[in-house]
Amino acid sequence: MLLAGCGVDPALTRILLALDLLHAGRRYAADLDLVPVPAVEARLAWVLRLLTGQTDLIERGVLA
């Protein structure tokens, strides 16, 4: 994986992805407060689906 080349423990990859998705979701949610447009709403829904999938895998113990 690309993160391993940067010295990141492979067991942290899924957690880092979830944190990145959480950050993106917060930005899209903030954007929706300012300018509620369907495109941003769709992106937020997409990011939340991805985040839910990652957190489900983390809860089940699938870390890499």
PDB file of N, CA and C in Angstrom:
ATOM      1  N   MET A   1       0.834  -1.178   0.000  1.00  0.00           N
ATOM      2  CA  MET A   1       0.000   0.000   0.000  1.00  0.00           C
ATOM      3  C   MET A   1       0.881   1.244   0.000  1.00  0.00           C
ATOM      4  N   LEU A   2       0.379   2.328  -0.488  1.00  0.00           N
ATOM      5  CA  LEU A   2       1.173   3.550  -0.611  1.00  0.00           C
ATOM      6  C   LEU A   2       1.611   4.109   0.733  1.00  0.00           C
ATOM      7  N   LEU A   3       0.759   3.994   1.731  1.00  0.00           N
ATOM      8  CA  LEU A   3       1.124   4.531   3.033  1.00  0.00           C
ATOM      9  C   LEU A   3       2.285   3.766   3.664  1.00  0.00           C
ATOM     10  N   ALA A   4       2.389   2.483   3.369  1.00  0.00           N
ATOM     11  CA  ALA A   4       3.489   1.688   3.910  1.00  0.00           C
ATOM     12  C   ALA A   4       4.826   2.238   3.430  1.00  0.00           C
ATOM     13  N   GLY A   5       4.860   2.745   2.204  1.00  0.00           N
ATOM     14  CA  GLY A   5       6.077   3.346   1.679  1.00  0.00           C
ATOM     15  C   GLY A   5       6.490   4.604   2.422  1.00  0.00           C
ATOM     16  N   CYS A   6       5.551   5.192   3.147  1.00  0.00           N
ATOM     17  CA  CYS A   6       5.829   6.388   3.951  1.00  0.00           C
ATOM     18  C   CYS A   6       6.122   6.036   5.401  1.00  0.00           C
ATOM     19  N   GLY A   7       6.187   4.730   5.690  1.00  0.00           N
ATOM     20  CA  GLY A   7       6.487   4.296   7.044  1.00  0.00           C
ATOM     21  C   GLY A   7       5.274   4.139   7.946  1.00  0.00           C
ATOM     22  N   VAL A   8       4.062   4.175   7.371  1.00  0.00           N
ATOM     23  CA  VAL A   8       2.851   4.024   8.166  1.00  0.00           C
ATOM     24  C   VAL A   8       2.565   2.537   8.372  1.00  0.00           C
ATOM     25  N   ASP A   9       2.292   2.177   9.596  1.00  0.00           N
ATOM     26  CA  ASP A   9       1.946   0.796   9.944  1.00  0.00           C
ATOM     27  C   ASP A   9       0.690   0.396   9.165  1.00  0.00           C
ATOM     28  N   PRO A  10       0.720  -0.706   8.408  1.00  0.00           N
ATOM     29  CA  PRO A  10      -0.444  -1.130   7.626  1.00  0.00           C
ATOM     30  C   PRO A  10      -1.715  -1.319   8.461  1.00  0.00           C
ATOM     31  N   ALA A  11      -1.564  -1.608   9.752  1.00  0.00           N
ATOM     32  CA  ALA A  11      -2.736  -1.773  10.607  1.00  0.00           C
ATOM     33  C   ALA A  11      -3.479  -0.451  10.821  1.00  0.00           C
ATOM     34  N   LEU A  12      -2.820   0.662  10.523  1.00  0.00           N
ATOM     35  CA  LEU A  12      -3.444   1.971  10.705  1.00  0.00           C
ATOM     36  C   LEU A  12      -4.100   2.508   9.439  1.00  0.00           C
ATOM     37  N   THR A  13      -3.932   1.841   8.332  1.00  0.00           N
ATOM     38  CA  THR A  13      -4.415   2.341   7.053  1.00  0.00           C
ATOM     39  C   THR A  13      -5.918   2.602   7.060  1.00  0.00           C
ATOM     40  N   ARG A  14      -6.706   1.644   7.511  1.00  0.00           N
ATOM     41  CA  ARG A  14      -8.165   1.797   7.503  1.00  0.00           C
ATOM     42  C   ARG A  14      -8.603   2.915   8.445  1.00  0.00           C
ATOM     43  N   ILE A  15      -7.930   3.036   9.588  1.00  0.00           N
ATOM     44  CA  ILE A  15      -8.261   4.097  10.532  1.00  0.00           C
ATOM     45  C   ILE A  15      -7.933   5.464   9.942  1.00  0.00           C
ATOM     46  N   LEU A  16      -6.789   5.567   9.280  1.00  0.00           N
ATOM     47  CA  LEU A  16      -6.429   6.836   8.640  1.00  0.00           C
ATOM     48  C   LEU A  16      -7.407   7.197   7.535  1.00  0.00           C
ATOM     49  N   LEU A  17      -7.860   6.207   6.771  1.00  0.00           N
ATOM     50  CA  LEU A  17      -8.856   6.456   5.732  1.00  0.00           C
ATOM     51  C   LEU A  17     -10.148   6.964   6.360  1.00  0.00           C
ATOM     52  N   ALA A  18     -10.583   6.341   7.452  1.00  0.00           N
ATOM     53  CA  ALA A  18     -11.811   6.773   8.121  1.00  0.00           C
ATOM     54  C   ALA A  18     -11.680   8.207   8.631  1.00  0.00           C
ATOM     55  N   LEU A  19     -10.524   8.550   9.178  1.00  0.00           N
ATOM     56  CA  LEU A  19     -10.307   9.919   9.652  1.00  0.00           C
ATOM     57  C   LEU A  19     -10.328  10.918   8.499  1.00  0.00           C
ATOM     58  N   ASP A  20      -9.754  10.548   7.373  1.00  0.00           N
ATOM     59  CA  ASP A  20      -9.765  11.420   6.204  1.00  0.00           C
ATOM     60  C   ASP A  20     -11.194  11.609   5.695  1.00  0.00           C
ATOM     61  N   LEU A  21     -11.971  10.542   5.663  1.00  0.00           N
ATOM     62  CA  LEU A  21     -13.370  10.648   5.238  1.00  0.00           C
ATOM     63  C   LEU A  21     -14.174  11.501   6.211  1.00  0.00           C
ATOM     64  N   LEU A  22     -13.905  11.367   7.499  1.00  0.00           N
ATOM     65  CA  LEU A  22     -14.584  12.184   8.498  1.00  0.00           C
ATOM     66  C   LEU A  22     -14.280  13.658   8.264  1.00  0.00           C
ATOM     67  N   HIS A  23     -13.024  13.956   7.999  1.00  0.00           N
ATOM     68  CA  HIS A  23     -12.620  15.344   7.727  1.00  0.00           C
ATOM     69  C   HIS A  23     -13.327  15.877   6.478  1.00  0.00           C
ATOM     70  N   ALA A  24     -13.358  15.084   5.422  1.00  0.00           N
ATOM     71  CA  ALA A  24     -14.036  15.505   4.187  1.00  0.00           C
ATOM     72  C   ALA A  24     -15.526  15.710   4.440  1.00  0.00           C
ATOM     73  N   GLY A  25     -16.131  14.817   5.211  1.00  0.00           N
ATOM     74  CA  GLY A  25     -17.552  14.950   5.522  1.00  0.00           C
ATOM     75  C   GLY A  25     -17.854  16.218   6.299  1.00  0.00           C
ATOM     76  N   ARG A  26     -16.992  16.561   7.235  1.00  0.00           N
ATOM     77  CA  ARG A  26     -17.175  17.809   7.991  1.00  0.00           C
ATOM     78  C   ARG A  26     -17.094  19.019   7.072  1.00  0.00           C
ATOM     79  N   ARG A  27     -16.165  18.990   6.114  1.00  0.00           N
ATOM     80  CA  ARG A  27     -16.047  20.117   5.174  1.00  0.00           C
ATOM     81  C   ARG A  27     -17.294  20.235   4.317  1.00  0.00           C
ATOM     82  N   TYR A  28     -17.797  19.094   3.793  1.00  0.00           N
ATOM     83  CA  TYR A  28     -19.006  19.133   2.970  1.00  0.00           C
ATOM     84  C   TYR A  28     -20.203  19.597   3.791  1.00  0.00           C
ATOM     85  N   ALA A  29     -20.312  19.156   5.042  1.00  0.00           N
ATOM     86  CA  ALA A  29     -21.416  19.593   5.891  1.00  0.00           C
ATOM     87  C   ALA A  29     -21.349  21.099   6.136  1.00  0.00           C
ATOM     88  N   ALA A  30     -20.154  21.618   6.359  1.00  0.00           N
ATOM     89  CA  ALA A  30     -19.994  23.063   6.546  1.00  0.00           C
ATOM     90  C   ALA A  30     -20.352  23.815   5.269  1.00  0.00           C
ATOM     91  N   ASP A  31     -19.955  23.267   4.122  1.00  0.00           N
ATOM     92  CA  ASP A  31     -20.305  23.891   2.845  1.00  0.00           C
ATOM     93  C   ASP A  31     -21.815  23.929   2.649  1.00  0.00           C
ATOM     94  N   LEU A  32     -22.499  22.867   3.058  1.00  0.00           N
ATOM     95  CA  LEU A  32     -23.955  22.828   2.918  1.00  0.00           C
ATOM     96  C   LEU A  32     -24.630  23.903   3.756  1.00  0.00           C
ATOM     97  N   ASP A  33     -24.048  24.230   4.906  1.00  0.00           N
ATOM     98  CA  ASP A  33     -24.598  25.310   5.729  1.00  0.00           C
ATOM     99  C   ASP A  33     -24.506  26.649   5.014  1.00  0.00           C
ATOM    100  N   LEU A  34     -23.442  26.830   4.255  1.00  0.00           N
ATOM    101  CA  LEU A  34     -23.241  28.095   3.559  1.00  0.00           C
ATOM    102  C   LEU A  34     -24.006  28.161   2.244  1.00  0.00           C
ATOM    103  N   VAL A  35     -23.906  27.101   1.450  1.00  0.00           N
ATOM    104  CA  VAL A  35     -24.518  27.067   0.120  1.00  0.00           C
ATOM    105  C   VAL A  35     -25.150  25.687  -0.082  1.00  0.00           C
ATOM    106  N   PRO A  36     -26.431  25.552   0.235  1.00  0.00           N
ATOM    107  CA  PRO A  36     -27.078  24.241   0.103  1.00  0.00           C
ATOM    108  C   PRO A  36     -27.399  23.904  -1.351  1.00  0.00           C
ATOM    109  N   VAL A  37     -26.478  23.212  -2.006  1.00  0.00           N
ATOM    110  CA  VAL A  37     -26.686  22.811  -3.398  1.00  0.00           C
ATOM    111  C   VAL A  37     -26.680  21.285  -3.490  1.00  0.00           C
ATOM    112  N   PRO A  38     -27.438  20.728  -4.437  1.00  0.00           N
ATOM    113  CA  PRO A  38     -27.537  19.274  -4.556  1.00  0.00           C
ATOM    114  C   PRO A  38     -26.196  18.567  -4.769  1.00  0.00           C
ATOM    115  N   ALA A  39     -25.282  19.185  -5.484  1.00  0.00           N
ATOM    116  CA  ALA A  39     -23.993  18.534  -5.745  1.00  0.00           C
ATOM    117  C   ALA A  39     -23.229  18.294  -4.442  1.00  0.00           C
ATOM    118  N   VAL A  40     -23.222  19.268  -3.548  1.00  0.00           N
ATOM    119  CA  VAL A  40     -22.522  19.116  -2.274  1.00  0.00           C
ATOM    120  C   VAL A  40     -23.265  18.112  -1.393  1.00  0.00           C
ATOM    121  N   GLU A  41     -24.577  18.141  -1.435  1.00  0.00           N
ATOM    122  CA  GLU A  41     -25.369  17.178  -0.672  1.00  0.00           C
ATOM    123  C   GLU A  41     -25.072  15.743  -1.133  1.00  0.00           C
ATOM    124  N   ALA A  42     -24.943  15.562  -2.436  1.00  0.00           N
ATOM    125  CA  ALA A  42     -24.637  14.236  -2.983  1.00  0.00           C
ATOM    126  C   ALA A  42     -23.237  13.785  -2.563  1.00  0.00           C
ATOM    127  N   ARG A  43     -22.290  14.711  -2.572  1.00  0.00           N
ATOM    128  CA  ARG A  43     -20.922  14.362  -2.155  1.00  0.00           C
ATOM    129  C   ARG A  43     -20.882  13.995  -0.677  1.00  0.00           C
ATOM    130  N   LEU A  44     -21.625  14.733   0.133  1.00  0.00           N
ATOM    131  CA  LEU A  44     -21.665  14.417   1.560  1.00  0.00           C
ATOM    132  C   LEU A  44     -22.267  13.030   1.780  1.00  0.00           C
ATOM    133  N   ALA A  45     -23.333  12.720   1.084  1.00  0.00           N
ATOM    134  CA  ALA A  45     -23.959  11.397   1.220  1.00  0.00           C
ATOM    135  C   ALA A  45     -22.981  10.301   0.808  1.00  0.00           C
ATOM    136  N   TRP A  46     -22.237  10.526  -0.270  1.00  0.00           N
ATOM    137  CA  TRP A  46     -21.250   9.549  -0.747  1.00  0.00           C
ATOM    138  C   TRP A  46     -20.154   9.331   0.300  1.00  0.00           C
ATOM    139  N   VAL A  47     -19.629  10.430   0.842  1.00  0.00           N
ATOM    140  CA  VAL A  47     -18.568  10.328   1.844  1.00  0.00           C
ATOM    141  C   VAL A  47     -19.085   9.610   3.090  1.00  0.00           C
ATOM    142  N   LEU A  48     -20.311   9.903   3.499  1.00  0.00           N
ATOM    143  CA  LEU A  48     -20.867   9.249   4.683  1.00  0.00           C
ATOM    144  C   LEU A  48     -21.061   7.750   4.459  1.00  0.00           C
ATOM    145  N   ARG A  49     -21.440   7.363   3.242  1.00  0.00           N
ATOM    146  CA  ARG A  49     -21.548   5.924   2.932  1.00  0.00           C
ATOM    147  C   ARG A  49     -20.186   5.252   3.036  1.00  0.00           C
ATOM    148  N   LEU A  50     -19.164   5.886   2.470  1.00  0.00           N
ATOM    149  CA  LEU A  50     -17.812   5.329   2.547  1.00  0.00           C
ATOM    150  C   LEU A  50     -17.336   5.257   3.993  1.00  0.00           C
ATOM    151  N   LEU A  51     -17.596   6.310   4.755  1.00  0.00           N
ATOM    152  CA  LEU A  51     -17.184   6.336   6.156  1.00  0.00           C
ATOM    153  C   LEU A  51     -17.889   5.243   6.952  1.00  0.00           C
ATOM    154  N   THR A  52     -19.164   5.058   6.710  1.00  0.00           N
ATOM    155  CA  THR A  52     -19.909   4.001   7.398  1.00  0.00           C
ATOM    156  C   THR A  52     -19.319   2.637   7.074  1.00  0.00           C
ATOM    157  N   GLY A  53     -18.970   2.415   5.819  1.00  0.00           N
ATOM    158  CA  GLY A  53     -18.354   1.145   5.436  1.00  0.00           C
ATOM    159  C   GLY A  53     -17.032   0.915   6.142  1.00  0.00           C
ATOM    160  N   GLN A  54     -16.227   1.958   6.228  1.00  0.00           N
ATOM    161  CA  GLN A  54     -14.926   1.824   6.891  1.00  0.00           C
ATOM    162  C   GLN A  54     -15.091   1.582   8.390  1.00  0.00           C
ATOM    163  N   THR A  55     -15.997   2.313   9.026  1.00  0.00           N
ATOM    164  CA  THR A  55     -16.180   2.128  10.470  1.00  0.00           C
ATOM    165  C   THR A  55     -16.771   0.748  10.772  1.00  0.00           C
ATOM    166  N   ASP A  56     -17.617   0.243   9.892  1.00  0.00           N
ATOM    167  CA  ASP A  56     -18.139  -1.121  10.077  1.00  0.00           C
ATOM    168  C   ASP A  56     -16.996  -2.139  10.043  1.00  0.00           C
ATOM    169  N   LEU A  57     -16.081  -1.974   9.091  1.00  0.00           N
ATOM    170  CA  LEU A  57     -14.937  -2.882   8.999  1.00  0.00           C
ATOM    171  C   LEU A  57     -14.029  -2.755  10.226  1.00  0.00           C
ATOM    172  N   ILE A  58     -13.831  -1.542  10.702  1.00  0.00           N
ATOM    173  CA  ILE A  58     -12.997  -1.337  11.885  1.00  0.00           C
ATOM    174  C   ILE A  58     -13.639  -2.011  13.096  1.00  0.00           C
ATOM    175  N   GLU A  59     -14.950  -1.843  13.244  1.00  0.00           N
ATOM    176  CA  GLU A  59     -15.661  -2.473  14.372  1.00  0.00           C
ATOM    177  C   GLU A  59     -15.550  -3.994  14.331  1.00  0.00           C
ATOM    178  N   ARG A  60     -15.503  -4.561  13.128  1.00  0.00           N
ATOM    179  CA  ARG A  60     -15.384  -6.005  12.992  1.00  0.00           C
ATOM    180  C   ARG A  60     -13.945  -6.482  13.136  1.00  0.00           C
ATOM    181  N   GLY A  61     -13.010  -5.546  13.273  1.00  0.00           N
ATOM    182  CA  GLY A  61     -11.615  -5.909  13.478  1.00  0.00           C
ATOM    183  C   GLY A  61     -10.817  -6.059  12.194  1.00  0.00           C
ATOM    184  N   VAL A  62     -11.370  -5.644  11.062  1.00  0.00           N
ATOM    185  CA  VAL A  62     -10.651  -5.697   9.791  1.00  0.00           C
ATOM    186  C   VAL A  62      -9.861  -4.400   9.668  1.00  0.00           C
ATOM    187  N   LEU A  63      -8.619  -4.397  10.106  1.00  0.00           N
ATOM    188  CA  LEU A  63      -7.845  -3.170  10.167  1.00  0.00           C
ATOM    189  C   LEU A  63      -6.974  -2.925   8.948  1.00  0.00           C
ATOM    190  N   ALA A  64      -6.677  -3.932   8.186  1.00  0.00           N
ATOM    191  CA  ALA A  64      -5.811  -3.723   7.020  1.00  0.00           C
ATOM    192  C   ALA A  64      -6.457  -4.228   5.762  1.00  0.00           C
TER     193      ALA A  64
END
